[in-house]
C-alpha atoms as a PDB file:
ATOM      1  CA  MET A   1      14.039  18.681 -18.658  1.00  0.00           C
ATOM      2  CA  ILE A   2      13.937  18.980 -14.949  1.00  0.00           C
ATOM      3  CA  PRO A   3      17.262  19.943 -13.138  1.00  0.00           C
ATOM      4  CA  ILE A   4      18.645  17.270 -11.055  1.00  0.00           C
ATOM      5  CA  ALA A   5      21.404  18.333  -8.482  1.00  0.00           C
ATOM      6  CA  PRO A   6      24.364  16.234  -8.198  1.00  0.00           C
ATOM      7  CA  LEU A   7      24.536  14.900  -4.519  1.00  0.00           C
ATOM      8  CA  LYS A   8      27.595  14.582  -2.426  1.00  0.00           C
ATOM      9  CA  SER A   9      29.424  11.170  -2.158  1.00  0.00           C
ATOM     10  CA  SER A  10      28.931  11.320   1.502  1.00  0.00           C
ATOM     11  CA  PHE A  11      25.163  11.258   0.852  1.00  0.00           C
ATOM     12  CA  MET A  12      25.495   7.539  -0.544  1.00  0.00           C
ATOM     13  CA  ILE A  13      28.189   6.659   2.019  1.00  0.00           C
ATOM     14  CA  ILE A  14      25.732   7.617   5.057  1.00  0.00           C
ATOM     15  CA  SER A  15      23.094   5.886   3.546  1.00  0.00           C
ATOM     16  CA  ILE A  16      25.048   2.734   3.339  1.00  0.00           C
ATOM     17  CA  ILE A  17      26.067   2.697   6.774  1.00  0.00           C
ATOM     18  CA  GLY A  18      22.875   3.939   8.231  1.00  0.00           C
ATOM     19  CA  PHE A  19      21.000   0.655   6.236  1.00  0.00           C
ATOM     20  CA  LEU A  20      23.756  -1.360   7.989  1.00  0.00           C
ATOM     21  CA  LEU A  21      23.271   0.041  11.173  1.00  0.00           C
ATOM     22  CA  SER A  22      19.440  -0.065  11.177  1.00  0.00           C
ATOM     23  CA  ILE A  23      19.498  -3.684  10.229  1.00  0.00           C
ATOM     24  CA  TYR A  24      21.931  -4.864  12.673  1.00  0.00           C
ATOM     25  CA  LEU A  25      21.673  -2.730  15.621  1.00  0.00           C
ATOM     26  CA  VAL A  26      18.275  -1.289  15.745  1.00  0.00           C
ATOM     27  CA  SER A  27      16.233  -4.135  14.577  1.00  0.00           C
ATOM     28  CA  ASN A  28      17.366  -6.140  17.505  1.00  0.00           C
ATOM     29  CA  ILE A  29      16.052  -3.668  19.860  1.00  0.00           C
ATOM     30  CA  TRP A  30      13.005  -2.407  18.151  1.00  0.00           C
ATOM     31  CA  PRO A  31      12.255  -4.318  14.649  1.00  0.00           C
ATOM     32  CA  GLN A  32       9.424  -1.973  13.680  1.00  0.00           C
ATOM     33  CA  MET A  33      11.729   1.260  13.800  1.00  0.00           C
ATOM     34  CA  GLY A  34      14.536  -0.918  12.081  1.00  0.00           C
ATOM     35  CA  PHE A  35      12.589  -1.515   9.334  1.00  0.00           C
ATOM     36  CA  ALA A  36      11.374   2.050   8.855  1.00  0.00           C
ATOM     37  CA  PHE A  37      14.937   3.332   9.000  1.00  0.00           C
ATOM     38  CA  ALA A  38      16.195   0.657   6.835  1.00  0.00           C
ATOM     39  CA  VAL A  39      13.386   1.855   4.366  1.00  0.00           C
ATOM     40  CA  VAL A  40      14.536   5.537   4.619  1.00  0.00           C
ATOM     41  CA  PHE A  41      18.353   4.749   3.866  1.00  0.00           C
ATOM     42  CA  VAL A  42      17.425   2.723   0.738  1.00  0.00           C
ATOM     43  CA  LEU A  43      15.422   5.641  -0.273  1.00  0.00           C
ATOM     44  CA  MET A  44      18.323   7.715   0.083  1.00  0.00           C
ATOM     45  CA  PHE A  45      20.535   5.308  -1.555  1.00  0.00           C
ATOM     46  CA  ILE A  46      18.264   5.223  -4.434  1.00  0.00           C
ATOM     47  CA  ALA A  47      18.225   8.872  -4.831  1.00  0.00           C
ATOM     48  CA  SER A  48      21.971   9.016  -4.925  1.00  0.00           C
ATOM     49  CA  LEU A  49      22.214   6.566  -7.667  1.00  0.00           C
ATOM     50  CA  ILE A  50      19.577   8.543  -9.541  1.00  0.00           C
ATOM     51  CA  SER A  51      21.728  11.772  -9.048  1.00  0.00           C
ATOM     52  CA  MET A  52      24.764  10.154 -10.152  1.00  0.00           C
ATOM     53  CA  THR A  53      23.096   8.983 -13.349  1.00  0.00           C
ATOM     54  CA  TYR A  54      21.180  12.188 -14.545  1.00  0.00           C
ATOM     55  CA  ALA A  55      23.154  14.838 -13.164  1.00  0.00           C
ATOM     56  CA  PRO A  56      24.073  17.382 -15.884  1.00  0.00           C
ATOM     57  CA  LEU A  57      27.968  17.399 -15.436  1.00  0.00           C
ATOM     58  CA  GLU A  58      28.431  20.456 -18.187  1.00  0.00           C
ATOM     59  CA  ASP A  59      26.751  23.138 -15.807  1.00  0.00           C
ATOM     60  CA  TYR A  60      28.877  22.294 -12.770  1.00  0.00           C
ATOM     61  CA  LYS A  61      32.361  22.529 -14.338  1.00  0.00           C
END
């Protein structure tokens, strides 16, 4: 089994805030970069969900 380290909750908060800022602020100035930032922050959010789901909690107590 591949060990998956649990990520901090701040990682998920940063991904949500970064996504919203890239959609509302950056895309008005530079649409291509706004889309690129949005994709990166969505990937960060997905990584945090995977980390929450598959993290072995017994090893970290």
